[in-house]
PDB file of N, CA and C in Angstrom:
ATOM      1  N   UNK A   1     -81.591  27.668  38.152  1.00  0.00           N
ATOM      2  CA  UNK A   1     -82.064  27.719  36.780  1.00  0.00           C
ATOM      3  C   UNK A   1     -82.067  29.154  36.268  1.00  0.00           C
ATOM      4  N   UNK A   2     -82.514  30.082  37.077  1.00  0.00           N
ATOM      5  CA  UNK A   2     -82.579  31.478  36.637  1.00  0.00           C
ATOM      6  C   UNK A   2     -81.193  31.991  36.278  1.00  0.00           C
ATOM      7  N   UNK A   3     -80.191  31.589  37.054  1.00  0.00           N
ATOM      8  CA  UNK A   3     -78.819  32.007  36.761  1.00  0.00           C
ATOM      9  C   UNK A   3     -78.334  31.497  35.416  1.00  0.00           C
ATOM     10  N   UNK A   4     -78.695  30.267  35.070  1.00  0.00           N
ATOM     11  CA  UNK A   4     -78.291  29.710  33.770  1.00  0.00           C
ATOM     12  C   UNK A   4     -79.000  30.418  32.620  1.00  0.00           C
ATOM     13  N   UNK A   5     -80.284  30.687  32.795  1.00  0.00           N
ATOM     14  CA  UNK A   5     -81.018  31.399  31.751  1.00  0.00           C
ATOM     15  C   UNK A   5     -80.449  32.798  31.573  1.00  0.00           C
ATOM     16  N   UNK A   6     -80.117  33.448  32.688  1.00  0.00           N
ATOM     17  CA  UNK A   6     -79.497  34.769  32.619  1.00  0.00           C
ATOM     18  C   UNK A   6     -78.158  34.683  31.883  1.00  0.00           C
ATOM     19  N   UNK A   7     -77.380  33.663  32.185  1.00  0.00           N
ATOM     20  CA  UNK A   7     -76.099  33.472  31.499  1.00  0.00           C
ATOM     21  C   UNK A   7     -76.291  33.303  29.999  1.00  0.00           C
ATOM     22  N   UNK A   8     -77.331  32.561  29.638  1.00  0.00           N
ATOM     23  CA  UNK A   8     -77.608  32.324  28.222  1.00  0.00           C
ATOM     24  C   UNK A   8     -77.969  33.619  27.506  1.00  0.00           C
ATOM     25  N   UNK A   9     -78.703  34.488  28.173  1.00  0.00           N
ATOM     26  CA  UNK A   9     -79.091  35.746  27.533  1.00  0.00           C
ATOM     27  C   UNK A   9     -77.949  36.749  27.505  1.00  0.00           C
ATOM     28  N   UNK A  10     -76.936  36.549  28.335  1.00  0.00           N
ATOM     29  CA  UNK A  10     -75.818  37.494  28.399  1.00  0.00           C
ATOM     30  C   UNK A  10     -74.551  37.031  27.679  1.00  0.00           C
ATOM     31  N   UNK A  11     -74.478  35.763  27.316  1.00  0.00           N
ATOM     32  CA  UNK A  11     -73.271  35.285  26.650  1.00  0.00           C
ATOM     33  C   UNK A  11     -73.066  36.067  25.354  1.00  0.00           C
ATOM     34  N   UNK A  12     -71.846  36.491  25.115  1.00  0.00           N
ATOM     35  CA  UNK A  12     -71.577  37.242  23.885  1.00  0.00           C
ATOM     36  C   UNK A  12     -70.302  36.726  23.233  1.00  0.00           C
ATOM     37  N   UNK A  13     -70.184  37.008  21.965  1.00  0.00           N
ATOM     38  CA  UNK A  13     -69.046  36.512  21.208  1.00  0.00           C
ATOM     39  C   UNK A  13     -67.772  37.252  21.581  1.00  0.00           C
ATOM     40  N   UNK A  14     -67.848  38.549  21.743  1.00  0.00           N
ATOM     41  CA  UNK A  14     -66.706  39.398  22.063  1.00  0.00           C
ATOM     42  C   UNK A  14     -65.454  38.951  21.319  1.00  0.00           C
ATOM     43  N   UNK A  15     -64.427  38.537  22.023  1.00  0.00           N
ATOM     44  CA  UNK A  15     -63.157  38.145  21.405  1.00  0.00           C
ATOM     45  C   UNK A  15     -63.075  36.645  21.135  1.00  0.00           C
ATOM     46  N   UNK A  16     -64.151  35.921  21.361  1.00  0.00           N
ATOM     47  CA  UNK A  16     -64.151  34.474  21.157  1.00  0.00           C
ATOM     48  C   UNK A  16     -64.262  34.142  19.674  1.00  0.00           C
ATOM     49  N   UNK A  17     -63.740  32.987  19.331  1.00  0.00           N
ATOM     50  CA  UNK A  17     -63.992  32.480  17.984  1.00  0.00           C
ATOM     51  C   UNK A  17     -65.443  32.008  17.940  1.00  0.00           C
ATOM     52  N   UNK A  18     -65.964  31.781  16.753  1.00  0.00           N
ATOM     53  CA  UNK A  18     -67.335  31.279  16.639  1.00  0.00           C
ATOM     54  C   UNK A  18     -67.459  29.934  17.349  1.00  0.00           C
ATOM     55  N   UNK A  19     -66.449  29.101  17.214  1.00  0.00           N
ATOM     56  CA  UNK A  19     -66.464  27.799  17.866  1.00  0.00           C
ATOM     57  C   UNK A  19     -66.524  27.945  19.391  1.00  0.00           C
ATOM     58  N   UNK A  20     -65.725  28.833  19.948  1.00  0.00           N
ATOM     59  CA  UNK A  20     -65.732  29.069  21.397  1.00  0.00           C
ATOM     60  C   UNK A  20     -67.073  29.635  21.857  1.00  0.00           C
ATOM     61  N   UNK A  21     -67.617  30.553  21.075  1.00  0.00           N
ATOM     62  CA  UNK A  21     -68.915  31.151  21.386  1.00  0.00           C
ATOM     63  C   UNK A  21     -70.012  30.084  21.401  1.00  0.00           C
ATOM     64  N   UNK A  22     -70.037  29.249  20.379  1.00  0.00           N
ATOM     65  CA  UNK A  22     -71.056  28.196  20.310  1.00  0.00           C
ATOM     66  C   UNK A  22     -70.862  27.171  21.425  1.00  0.00           C
ATOM     67  N   UNK A  23     -69.617  26.888  21.785  1.00  0.00           N
ATOM     68  CA  UNK A  23     -69.357  25.962  22.889  1.00  0.00           C
ATOM     69  C   UNK A  23     -69.883  26.532  24.195  1.00  0.00           C
ATOM     70  N   UNK A  24     -69.751  27.834  24.402  1.00  0.00           N
ATOM     71  CA  UNK A  24     -70.287  28.474  25.601  1.00  0.00           C
ATOM     72  C   UNK A  24     -71.805  28.293  25.672  1.00  0.00           C
ATOM     73  N   UNK A  25     -72.457  28.515  24.542  1.00  0.00           N
ATOM     74  CA  UNK A  25     -73.906  28.345  24.490  1.00  0.00           C
ATOM     75  C   UNK A  25     -74.289  26.892  24.727  1.00  0.00           C
ATOM     76  N   UNK A  26     -73.563  25.986  24.102  1.00  0.00           N
ATOM     77  CA  UNK A  26     -73.852  24.559  24.254  1.00  0.00           C
ATOM     78  C   UNK A  26     -73.716  24.120  25.711  1.00  0.00           C
ATOM     79  N   UNK A  27     -72.696  24.605  26.387  1.00  0.00           N
ATOM     80  CA  UNK A  27     -72.488  24.250  27.789  1.00  0.00           C
ATOM     81  C   UNK A  27     -73.669  24.707  28.644  1.00  0.00           C
ATOM     82  N   UNK A  28     -74.116  25.928  28.442  1.00  0.00           N
ATOM     83  CA  UNK A  28     -75.253  26.441  29.213  1.00  0.00           C
ATOM     84  C   UNK A  28     -76.508  25.642  28.902  1.00  0.00           C
ATOM     85  N   UNK A  29     -76.748  25.350  27.627  1.00  0.00           N
ATOM     86  CA  UNK A  29     -77.937  24.581  27.223  1.00  0.00           C
ATOM     87  C   UNK A  29     -77.886  23.175  27.822  1.00  0.00           C
ATOM     88  N   UNK A  30     -76.724  22.552  27.814  1.00  0.00           N
ATOM     89  CA  UNK A  30     -76.578  21.223  28.415  1.00  0.00           C
ATOM     90  C   UNK A  30     -76.846  21.260  29.915  1.00  0.00           C
ATOM     91  N   UNK A  31     -76.363  22.302  30.589  1.00  0.00           N
ATOM     92  CA  UNK A  31     -76.609  22.442  32.022  1.00  0.00           C
ATOM     93  C   UNK A  31     -78.093  22.652  32.310  1.00  0.00           C
ATOM     94  N   UNK A  32     -78.759  23.413  31.472  1.00  0.00           N
ATOM     95  CA  UNK A  32     -80.203  23.590  31.623  1.00  0.00           C
ATOM     96  C   UNK A  32     -80.933  22.265  31.431  1.00  0.00           C
ATOM     97  N   UNK A  33     -80.494  21.482  30.459  1.00  0.00           N
ATOM     98  CA  UNK A  33     -81.133  20.183  30.202  1.00  0.00           C
ATOM     99  C   UNK A  33     -80.946  19.232  31.381  1.00  0.00           C
ATOM    100  N   UNK A  34     -79.804  19.292  32.021  1.00  0.00           N
ATOM    101  CA  UNK A  34     -79.534  18.434  33.173  1.00  0.00           C
ATOM    102  C   UNK A  34     -80.546  18.681  34.290  1.00  0.00           C
ATOM    103  N   UNK A  35     -80.952  19.938  34.451  1.00  0.00           N
ATOM    104  CA  UNK A  35     -81.916  20.242  35.519  1.00  0.00           C
ATOM    105  C   UNK A  35     -83.357  20.214  35.017  1.00  0.00           C
ATOM    106  N   UNK A  36     -83.545  19.722  33.792  1.00  0.00           N
ATOM    107  CA  UNK A  36     -84.889  19.510  33.279  1.00  0.00           C
ATOM    108  C   UNK A  36     -85.515  20.675  32.544  1.00  0.00           C
ATOM    109  N   UNK A  37     -84.717  21.644  32.149  1.00  0.00           N
ATOM    110  CA  UNK A  37     -85.238  22.788  31.400  1.00  0.00           C
ATOM    111  C   UNK A  37     -84.716  22.722  29.959  1.00  0.00           C
ATOM    112  N   UNK A  38     -85.390  21.911  29.161  1.00  0.00           N
ATOM    113  CA  UNK A  38     -84.987  21.760  27.761  1.00  0.00           C
ATOM    114  C   UNK A  38     -85.455  22.945  26.931  1.00  0.00           C
ATOM    115  N   UNK A  39     -84.631  23.335  25.974  1.00  0.00           N
ATOM    116  CA  UNK A  39     -84.987  24.399  25.044  1.00  0.00           C
ATOM    117  C   UNK A  39     -85.272  23.790  23.680  1.00  0.00           C
ATOM    118  N   UNK A  40     -86.173  24.422  22.942  1.00  0.00           N
ATOM    119  CA  UNK A  40     -86.442  23.964  21.585  1.00  0.00           C
ATOM    120  C   UNK A  40     -85.289  24.405  20.685  1.00  0.00           C
ATOM    121  N   UNK A  41     -85.196  23.791  19.524  1.00  0.00           N
ATOM    122  CA  UNK A  41     -84.170  24.196  18.556  1.00  0.00           C
ATOM    123  C   UNK A  41     -84.323  25.666  18.201  1.00  0.00           C
ATOM    124  N   UNK A  42     -85.556  26.114  18.054  1.00  0.00           N
ATOM    125  CA  UNK A  42     -85.818  27.511  17.720  1.00  0.00           C
ATOM    126  C   UNK A  42     -85.311  28.460  18.795  1.00  0.00           C
ATOM    127  N   UNK A  43     -85.534  28.106  20.061  1.00  0.00           N
ATOM    128  CA  UNK A  43     -85.049  28.942  21.168  1.00  0.00           C
ATOM    129  C   UNK A  43     -83.526  29.007  21.178  1.00  0.00           C
ATOM    130  N   UNK A  44     -82.890  27.894  20.897  1.00  0.00           N
ATOM    131  CA  UNK A  44     -81.428  27.848  20.866  1.00  0.00           C
ATOM    132  C   UNK A  44     -80.893  28.746  19.754  1.00  0.00           C
ATOM    133  N   UNK A  45     -81.497  28.673  18.585  1.00  0.00           N
ATOM    134  CA  UNK A  45     -81.062  29.504  17.457  1.00  0.00           C
ATOM    135  C   UNK A  45     -81.231  30.983  17.786  1.00  0.00           C
ATOM    136  N   UNK A  46     -82.365  31.339  18.372  1.00  0.00           N
ATOM    137  CA  UNK A  46     -82.613  32.746  18.723  1.00  0.00           C
ATOM    138  C   UNK A  46     -81.553  33.239  19.706  1.00  0.00           C
ATOM    139  N   UNK A  47     -81.257  32.454  20.741  1.00  0.00           N
ATOM    140  CA  UNK A  47     -80.247  32.858  21.709  1.00  0.00           C
ATOM    141  C   UNK A  47     -78.871  32.985  21.064  1.00  0.00           C
ATOM    142  N   UNK A  48     -78.534  32.069  20.187  1.00  0.00           N
ATOM    143  CA  UNK A  48     -77.235  32.090  19.530  1.00  0.00           C
ATOM    144  C   UNK A  48     -77.085  33.319  18.618  1.00  0.00           C
ATOM    145  N   UNK A  49     -78.130  33.645  17.894  1.00  0.00           N
ATOM    146  CA  UNK A  49     -78.041  34.754  16.935  1.00  0.00           C
ATOM    147  C   UNK A  49     -78.203  36.113  17.571  1.00  0.00           C
ATOM    148  N   UNK A  50     -78.925  36.208  18.675  1.00  0.00           N
ATOM    149  CA  UNK A  50     -79.176  37.503  19.306  1.00  0.00           C
ATOM    150  C   UNK A  50     -77.923  38.220  19.755  1.00  0.00           C
ATOM    151  N   UNK A  51     -76.908  37.489  20.162  1.00  0.00           N
ATOM    152  CA  UNK A  51     -75.713  38.110  20.722  1.00  0.00           C
ATOM    153  C   UNK A  51     -74.589  38.290  19.706  1.00  0.00           C
ATOM    154  N   UNK A  52     -74.815  37.923  18.462  1.00  0.00           N
ATOM    155  CA  UNK A  52     -73.802  38.124  17.437  1.00  0.00           C
ATOM    156  C   UNK A  52     -73.850  39.564  16.937  1.00  0.00           C
ATOM    157  N   UNK A  53     -72.700  40.101  16.647  1.00  0.00           N
ATOM    158  CA  UNK A  53     -72.634  41.438  16.067  1.00  0.00           C
ATOM    159  C   UNK A  53     -72.087  41.321  14.650  1.00  0.00           C
ATOM    160  N   UNK A  54     -72.495  42.247  13.793  1.00  0.00           N
ATOM    161  CA  UNK A  54     -72.021  42.177  12.401  1.00  0.00           C
ATOM    162  C   UNK A  54     -70.524  42.400  12.287  1.00  0.00           C
TER     163      UNK A  54
END
């Protein structure tokens, strides 16, 4: 679980399209849910927006 949470905090858009970036986040969130660590919508939004650059 700690590895997935770490991955979620480190995922970045870099050269990915927005769709690819969001899919990366969705995959990690789904994997967390599988092991019983659900995130609130607010937590998901914060993680998604934190790694975006202008």
